[in-house]
Amino acid sequence: MKSILQKLALLAIPVALWFAFFAAFEPNNYFGIRQASHSTAPIARLRAFEKAPGSRVILGDSRLAHFDDALISQVSGEAWQNLAFGGASLKETNDLLEYVLDNDPDLQQVLFGLSFYTLSANYNTDRMGALEDTLHNPFAYCLNLEYNVNALTNFSDMLAGRGDVEETGDWQYPADYTDADGTVYDVHTVLALYPKAILGRCENYGVNHAELSRLYALAARCAAQGVRLTVVLPPMAGLVKTEVCDGFGITELMQGEVLPALYTAARENGFVLLDYEWGGSCIADDDRQFYDGFHLDTRYGLPQWTEQLWGDMAQAWRE
């Protein structure tokens, strides 16, 4: 028996070392060892929300995930908790809205990101169930391959002195305007090539009416619970409209059918709709203010839109 216990103790040593390494370097602060996590991964943001639910939350995809919290507090006078994450579908954002309504009795306001892209029936990822399981099961989190890879990457980045790559650029002509095949564009190549990256999601476009109807029902629930829901369509670059939306009939569908229905639903279900995608915004220089076709430059575009968005939101709720 003693021999067996000794062997088990020896086997436990590498497990303990692995867990210590994982707990120290996993970037999501799952175990609360660090004061806070800078990760924008959904598991990190949900974990922080569970520990301290905020009264004002942001939901949506990557276009809403990278706001400057300090700037939001400055322009709004309130603290907002950001639960938006990269690649979030309309279904996942609806799931999160339902989740915060169920779990945050002090909830007062929600900013909900929407766009023609997330409205597409071709884009309906569903990760909320797995996220909730991992959120409440430390063993599932520790044994998840993705999070272990994240820990290793975080460790190697720390050793190499690498940080997050900021989505901003002071583009230099002609180097940053020239494709590998020699084509010279009117806008920097990250922006110029972006429409190709989303074409697959936009072909055979159709609206996800089931999730859109669910959003309306959740909006009515927000109104009933005294929660102010603002649905925002973020700005998109002009070449996304001309090269993607116009060509696939999305522009006609959005402007002729979807947006009028959204405005009607806003009146009927008590939410505010702010449309910067089709209605225009303070973003006037795509080449300087967009990092790519969807994401605003974090220095030259996102701060300006942040001020406009929170100003418009405050004005809309005063009216």
Protein backbone atom coordinates (compact mmCIF):
# COMPACT_ATOMS: atom_id res chain seq x y z
CA MET A 1 0.00 0.00 0.00
CA LYS A 2 2.83 2.38 0.92
CA SER A 3 4.49 1.71 -2.43
CA ILE A 4 1.27 2.48 -4.29
CA LEU A 5 0.80 5.73 -2.40
CA GLN A 6 4.37 6.75 -3.17
CA LYS A 7 3.86 6.08 -6.86
CA LEU A 8 0.61 8.04 -6.85
CA ALA A 9 2.39 10.92 -5.13
CA LEU A 10 5.08 10.88 -7.81
CA LEU A 11 2.41 10.92 -10.51
CA ALA A 12 0.72 13.86 -8.82
CA ILE A 13 3.84 16.03 -9.05
CA PRO A 14 3.65 16.72 -12.82
CA VAL A 15 -0.11 17.28 -12.53
CA ALA A 16 0.44 19.83 -9.78
CA LEU A 17 3.19 21.54 -11.78
CA TRP A 18 0.97 21.68 -14.86
CA PHE A 19 -1.92 23.15 -12.86
CA ALA A 20 0.34 25.76 -11.24
CA PHE A 21 1.64 26.79 -14.67
CA PHE A 22 -1.85 26.86 -16.16
CA ALA A 23 -3.34 28.88 -13.31
CA ALA A 24 -0.48 31.38 -13.49
CA PHE A 25 -0.57 31.99 -17.24
CA GLU A 26 -4.10 31.34 -18.48
CA PRO A 27 -5.09 34.79 -19.79
CA ASN A 28 -8.72 34.82 -18.64
CA ASN A 29 -8.12 35.14 -14.88
CA TYR A 30 -10.55 32.27 -14.38
CA PHE A 31 -9.34 31.59 -10.81
CA GLY A 32 -9.20 35.25 -9.79
CA ILE A 33 -5.47 35.16 -9.00
CA ARG A 34 -4.83 38.52 -10.69
CA GLN A 35 -6.67 41.72 -9.97
CA ALA A 36 -8.21 41.78 -13.46
CA SER A 37 -7.94 40.26 -16.92
CA HIS A 38 -7.30 42.22 -20.09
CA SER A 39 -8.60 39.34 -22.20
CA THR A 40 -11.57 40.02 -24.48
CA ALA A 41 -12.41 36.30 -24.64
CA PRO A 42 -16.02 35.53 -23.70
CA ILE A 43 -15.01 33.25 -20.84
CA ALA A 44 -12.95 36.05 -19.25
CA ARG A 45 -15.71 38.61 -19.53
CA LEU A 46 -18.42 36.27 -18.32
CA ARG A 47 -16.29 35.22 -15.37
CA ALA A 48 -15.76 38.86 -14.40
CA PHE A 49 -19.48 39.54 -14.83
CA GLU A 50 -20.42 36.64 -12.55
CA LYS A 51 -18.15 37.98 -9.82
CA ALA A 52 -19.44 41.55 -10.09
CA PRO A 53 -22.44 42.10 -12.38
CA GLY A 54 -22.58 45.66 -13.66
CA SER A 55 -25.69 47.77 -14.06
CA ARG A 56 -24.74 48.73 -17.63
CA VAL A 57 -23.47 46.17 -20.13
CA ILE A 58 -22.29 46.08 -23.74
CA LEU A 59 -23.16 43.09 -25.92
CA GLY A 60 -22.14 42.33 -29.49
CA ASP A 61 -19.24 41.23 -31.67
CA SER A 62 -15.69 42.53 -32.04
CA ARG A 63 -16.85 45.94 -33.26
CA LEU A 64 -18.12 46.65 -29.75
CA ALA A 65 -15.49 44.60 -27.90
CA HIS A 66 -12.63 47.10 -27.92
CA PHE A 67 -14.09 50.29 -26.50
CA ASP A 68 -11.86 52.25 -24.12
CA ASP A 69 -13.54 51.82 -20.72
CA ALA A 70 -12.01 55.04 -19.38
CA LEU A 71 -13.30 57.04 -22.35
CA ILE A 72 -16.79 55.57 -21.93
CA SER A 73 -16.78 56.56 -18.26
CA GLN A 74 -15.57 60.03 -19.19
CA VAL A 75 -18.19 60.74 -21.87
CA SER A 76 -21.12 59.02 -20.16
CA GLY A 77 -20.34 59.58 -16.50
CA GLU A 78 -21.09 55.89 -15.88
CA ALA A 79 -19.15 52.64 -15.77
CA TRP A 80 -20.07 50.07 -18.44
CA GLN A 81 -19.18 46.38 -18.39
CA ASN A 82 -18.18 44.99 -21.78
CA LEU A 83 -19.35 41.45 -22.57
CA ALA A 84 -18.95 41.76 -26.35
CA PHE A 85 -16.54 39.33 -28.00
CA GLY A 86 -15.09 38.62 -31.43
CA GLY A 87 -17.30 36.67 -33.81
CA ALA A 88 -20.44 36.81 -31.68
CA SER A 89 -23.50 35.91 -33.75
CA LEU A 90 -26.97 37.36 -33.27
CA LYS A 91 -27.98 34.13 -31.52
CA GLU A 92 -25.05 34.37 -29.10
CA THR A 93 -25.73 38.05 -28.41
CA ASN A 94 -29.39 37.22 -27.75
CA ASP A 95 -28.25 34.41 -25.47
CA LEU A 96 -26.07 36.85 -23.55
CA LEU A 97 -28.90 39.37 -23.27
CA GLU A 98 -31.14 36.68 -21.83
CA TYR A 99 -28.31 35.62 -19.52
CA VAL A 100 -27.77 39.11 -18.07
CA LEU A 101 -31.51 39.62 -17.69
CA ASP A 102 -31.67 36.37 -15.73
CA ASN A 103 -28.60 36.98 -13.59
CA ASP A 104 -28.33 40.72 -12.94
CA PRO A 105 -31.19 42.12 -10.85
CA ASP A 106 -29.50 45.56 -10.85
CA LEU A 107 -29.32 45.80 -14.64
CA GLN A 108 -30.28 49.27 -15.90
CA GLN A 109 -28.97 49.64 -19.46
CA VAL A 110 -27.84 47.41 -22.33
CA LEU A 111 -26.03 48.42 -25.51
CA PHE A 112 -26.70 45.70 -28.10
CA GLY A 113 -24.64 45.45 -31.31
CA LEU A 114 -26.39 44.47 -34.54
CA SER A 115 -25.48 44.69 -38.23
CA PHE A 116 -26.39 43.29 -41.62
CA TYR A 117 -23.58 40.80 -41.05
CA THR A 118 -24.87 39.37 -37.78
CA LEU A 119 -28.43 39.43 -39.13
CA SER A 120 -27.42 36.94 -41.82
CA ALA A 121 -28.97 33.49 -41.61
CA ASN A 122 -25.58 32.20 -42.83
CA TYR A 123 -23.95 33.28 -39.57
CA ASN A 124 -25.51 31.49 -36.62
CA THR A 125 -22.72 30.23 -34.34
CA ASP A 126 -23.86 28.85 -31.00
CA ARG A 127 -21.28 28.69 -28.18
CA MET A 128 -23.21 29.91 -25.16
CA GLY A 129 -24.07 26.45 -23.83
CA ALA A 130 -20.44 25.35 -23.88
CA LEU A 131 -19.38 28.66 -22.33
CA GLU A 132 -21.81 28.30 -19.44
CA ASP A 133 -20.64 24.72 -18.83
CA THR A 134 -17.00 25.84 -18.72
CA LEU A 135 -17.89 28.86 -16.62
CA HIS A 136 -19.20 26.68 -13.82
CA ASN A 137 -16.88 23.69 -14.20
CA PRO A 138 -13.19 24.35 -13.35
CA PHE A 139 -12.22 20.85 -14.49
CA ALA A 140 -13.72 21.46 -17.94
CA TYR A 141 -11.86 24.75 -18.13
CA CYS A 142 -8.52 23.23 -17.11
CA LEU A 143 -8.85 20.34 -19.55
CA ASN A 144 -9.94 22.50 -22.48
CA LEU A 145 -7.27 22.35 -25.20
CA GLU A 146 -7.92 25.89 -26.43
CA TYR A 147 -7.38 27.43 -22.99
CA ASN A 148 -4.20 25.40 -22.49
CA VAL A 149 -2.88 26.68 -25.81
CA ASN A 150 -3.85 30.20 -24.70
CA ALA A 151 -1.78 29.73 -21.52
CA LEU A 152 1.25 28.57 -23.50
CA THR A 153 0.87 31.45 -25.94
CA ASN A 154 0.53 33.93 -23.09
CA PHE A 155 3.70 32.53 -21.50
CA SER A 156 5.70 32.69 -24.74
CA ASP A 157 4.46 36.23 -25.45
CA MET A 158 5.58 37.29 -21.99
CA LEU A 159 9.05 35.83 -22.52
CA ALA A 160 9.33 37.51 -25.92
CA GLY A 161 7.96 40.82 -24.66
CA ARG A 162 5.08 40.73 -27.11
CA GLY A 163 1.80 42.50 -26.38
CA ASP A 164 -1.58 42.73 -28.05
CA VAL A 165 -1.52 44.07 -31.60
CA GLU A 166 -3.50 47.29 -31.67
CA GLU A 167 -5.82 47.78 -34.63
CA THR A 168 -4.39 51.11 -35.74
CA GLY A 169 -1.96 52.38 -38.34
CA ASP A 170 -0.23 55.44 -39.73
CA TRP A 171 -0.33 54.15 -43.27
CA GLN A 172 2.57 55.03 -45.58
CA TYR A 173 2.16 55.41 -49.34
CA PRO A 174 2.91 53.41 -51.42
CA ALA A 175 4.11 50.56 -49.20
CA ASP A 176 0.86 50.16 -47.23
CA TYR A 177 -1.30 50.64 -50.33
CA THR A 178 0.31 47.97 -52.52
CA ASP A 179 -0.84 44.35 -52.69
CA ALA A 180 1.57 41.44 -53.03
CA ASP A 181 0.66 41.18 -56.72
CA GLY A 182 1.62 44.81 -57.29
CA THR A 183 -1.88 46.28 -57.31
CA VAL A 184 -1.95 49.76 -55.80
CA TYR A 185 -5.19 50.65 -54.00
CA ASP A 186 -6.79 53.96 -53.09
CA VAL A 187 -7.00 52.84 -49.45
CA HIS A 188 -4.53 50.87 -47.34
CA THR A 189 -4.40 47.16 -48.14
CA VAL A 190 -5.88 45.91 -44.82
CA LEU A 191 -9.01 47.89 -45.67
CA ALA A 192 -8.92 47.27 -49.43
CA LEU A 193 -8.76 43.49 -49.10
CA TYR A 194 -11.33 43.19 -46.32
CA PRO A 195 -14.43 42.67 -48.53
CA LYS A 196 -12.92 39.42 -49.81
CA ALA A 197 -12.77 38.11 -46.23
CA ILE A 198 -16.54 38.37 -45.71
CA LEU A 199 -17.85 37.42 -49.16
CA GLY A 200 -18.57 33.83 -48.13
CA ARG A 201 -20.91 34.94 -45.36
CA CYS A 202 -22.75 37.35 -47.64
CA GLU A 203 -23.52 35.23 -50.68
CA ASN A 204 -27.08 33.91 -50.82
CA TYR A 205 -27.91 36.41 -48.09
CA GLY A 206 -31.04 36.00 -46.02
CA VAL A 207 -32.18 37.49 -42.71
CA ASN A 208 -32.26 35.34 -39.58
CA HIS A 209 -35.89 36.16 -38.81
CA ALA A 210 -36.11 33.69 -35.92
CA GLU A 211 -33.34 35.43 -33.94
CA LEU A 212 -34.57 38.87 -34.98
CA SER A 213 -38.01 38.04 -33.57
CA ARG A 214 -36.33 36.74 -30.44
CA LEU A 215 -34.52 40.07 -30.09
CA TYR A 216 -37.87 41.87 -30.21
CA ALA A 217 -39.23 39.59 -27.47
CA LEU A 218 -36.14 40.21 -25.33
CA ALA A 219 -36.53 43.95 -25.94
CA ALA A 220 -40.09 43.77 -24.61
CA ARG A 221 -38.78 41.91 -21.58
CA CYS A 222 -36.17 44.66 -21.04
CA ALA A 223 -38.90 47.28 -21.11
CA ALA A 224 -41.00 45.28 -18.65
CA GLN A 225 -38.03 44.99 -16.27
CA GLY A 226 -37.17 48.68 -16.54
CA VAL A 227 -33.97 48.06 -18.52
CA ARG A 228 -33.08 50.59 -21.22
CA LEU A 229 -32.07 48.66 -24.35
CA THR A 230 -30.22 50.47 -27.13
CA VAL A 231 -29.65 48.55 -30.36
CA VAL A 232 -26.79 49.96 -32.40
CA LEU A 233 -25.67 49.25 -35.96
CA PRO A 234 -21.96 50.25 -36.04
CA PRO A 235 -20.39 52.06 -39.00
CA MET A 236 -19.03 50.10 -41.95
CA ALA A 237 -16.53 51.25 -44.56
CA GLY A 238 -17.93 52.50 -47.84
CA LEU A 239 -16.25 49.81 -49.92
CA VAL A 240 -18.03 47.08 -47.89
CA LYS A 241 -21.31 48.61 -48.97
CA THR A 242 -20.32 49.03 -52.61
CA GLU A 243 -18.34 45.80 -53.07
CA VAL A 244 -20.41 43.47 -50.88
CA CYS A 245 -23.82 44.83 -49.90
CA ASP A 246 -24.79 46.44 -53.20
CA GLY A 247 -23.67 43.43 -55.23
CA PHE A 248 -25.55 40.85 -53.17
CA GLY A 249 -28.78 42.81 -52.79
CA ILE A 250 -28.16 43.40 -49.08
CA THR A 251 -28.44 47.17 -49.39
CA GLU A 252 -31.88 46.97 -50.95
CA LEU A 253 -33.07 44.42 -48.40
CA MET A 254 -31.77 46.33 -45.39
CA GLN A 255 -32.99 49.76 -46.46
CA GLY A 256 -36.26 48.63 -47.96
CA GLU A 257 -37.38 45.99 -45.47
CA VAL A 258 -35.22 45.32 -42.42
CA LEU A 259 -34.56 48.85 -41.15
CA PRO A 260 -38.19 50.02 -41.41
CA ALA A 261 -39.20 46.87 -39.49
CA LEU A 262 -36.52 47.57 -36.87
CA TYR A 263 -37.75 51.12 -36.32
CA THR A 264 -41.32 49.87 -35.99
CA ALA A 265 -40.21 47.20 -33.51
CA ALA A 266 -38.29 49.83 -31.52
CA ARG A 267 -41.45 51.89 -31.09
CA GLU A 268 -43.55 48.85 -30.21
CA ASN A 269 -41.08 47.19 -27.85
CA GLY A 270 -39.59 50.19 -26.11
CA PHE A 271 -35.98 50.20 -27.28
CA VAL A 272 -33.80 52.82 -28.97
CA LEU A 273 -32.35 52.10 -32.41
CA LEU A 274 -29.19 53.93 -33.51
CA ASP A 275 -28.18 53.23 -37.11
CA TYR A 276 -24.65 54.24 -38.12
CA GLU A 277 -24.32 51.43 -40.65
CA TRP A 278 -26.77 52.82 -43.20
CA GLY A 279 -27.65 56.20 -41.73
CA GLY A 280 -24.12 57.65 -41.50
CA SER A 281 -21.87 58.65 -38.62
CA CYS A 282 -19.02 60.92 -37.60
CA ILE A 283 -16.63 58.64 -39.50
CA ALA A 284 -15.75 60.61 -42.64
CA ASP A 285 -12.34 59.25 -43.70
CA ASP A 286 -12.44 55.50 -44.26
CA ASP A 287 -8.74 55.26 -45.08
CA ARG A 288 -7.67 56.85 -41.80
CA GLN A 289 -10.53 55.97 -39.47
CA PHE A 290 -11.12 52.30 -40.38
CA TYR A 291 -8.57 49.61 -39.63
CA ASP A 292 -10.48 47.23 -41.90
CA GLY A 293 -13.97 47.28 -43.38
CA PHE A 294 -15.77 46.73 -40.06
CA HIS A 295 -13.35 47.66 -37.29
CA LEU A 296 -12.60 51.30 -36.57
CA ASP A 297 -9.02 52.39 -36.02
CA THR A 298 -8.54 52.38 -32.27
CA ARG A 299 -6.77 55.77 -32.33
CA TYR A 300 -8.35 57.65 -35.22
CA GLY A 301 -11.88 56.23 -35.46
CA LEU A 302 -13.11 54.39 -32.39
CA PRO A 303 -12.66 57.25 -29.88
CA GLN A 304 -14.58 59.65 -32.12
CA TRP A 305 -17.42 57.19 -32.62
CA THR A 306 -17.48 56.37 -28.90
CA GLU A 307 -18.19 60.00 -28.09
CA GLN A 308 -20.87 60.20 -30.77
CA LEU A 309 -22.52 56.94 -29.72
CA TRP A 310 -22.81 57.69 -26.02
CA GLY A 311 -23.90 61.25 -26.76
CA ASP A 312 -26.61 60.07 -29.13
CA MET A 313 -27.70 57.36 -26.72
CA ALA A 314 -28.09 59.83 -23.86
CA GLN A 315 -30.02 62.20 -26.10
CA ALA A 316 -32.34 59.46 -27.37
CA TRP A 317 -33.28 58.38 -23.84
CA ARG A 318 -33.95 61.97 -22.82
CA GLU A 319 -36.47 62.41 -25.63
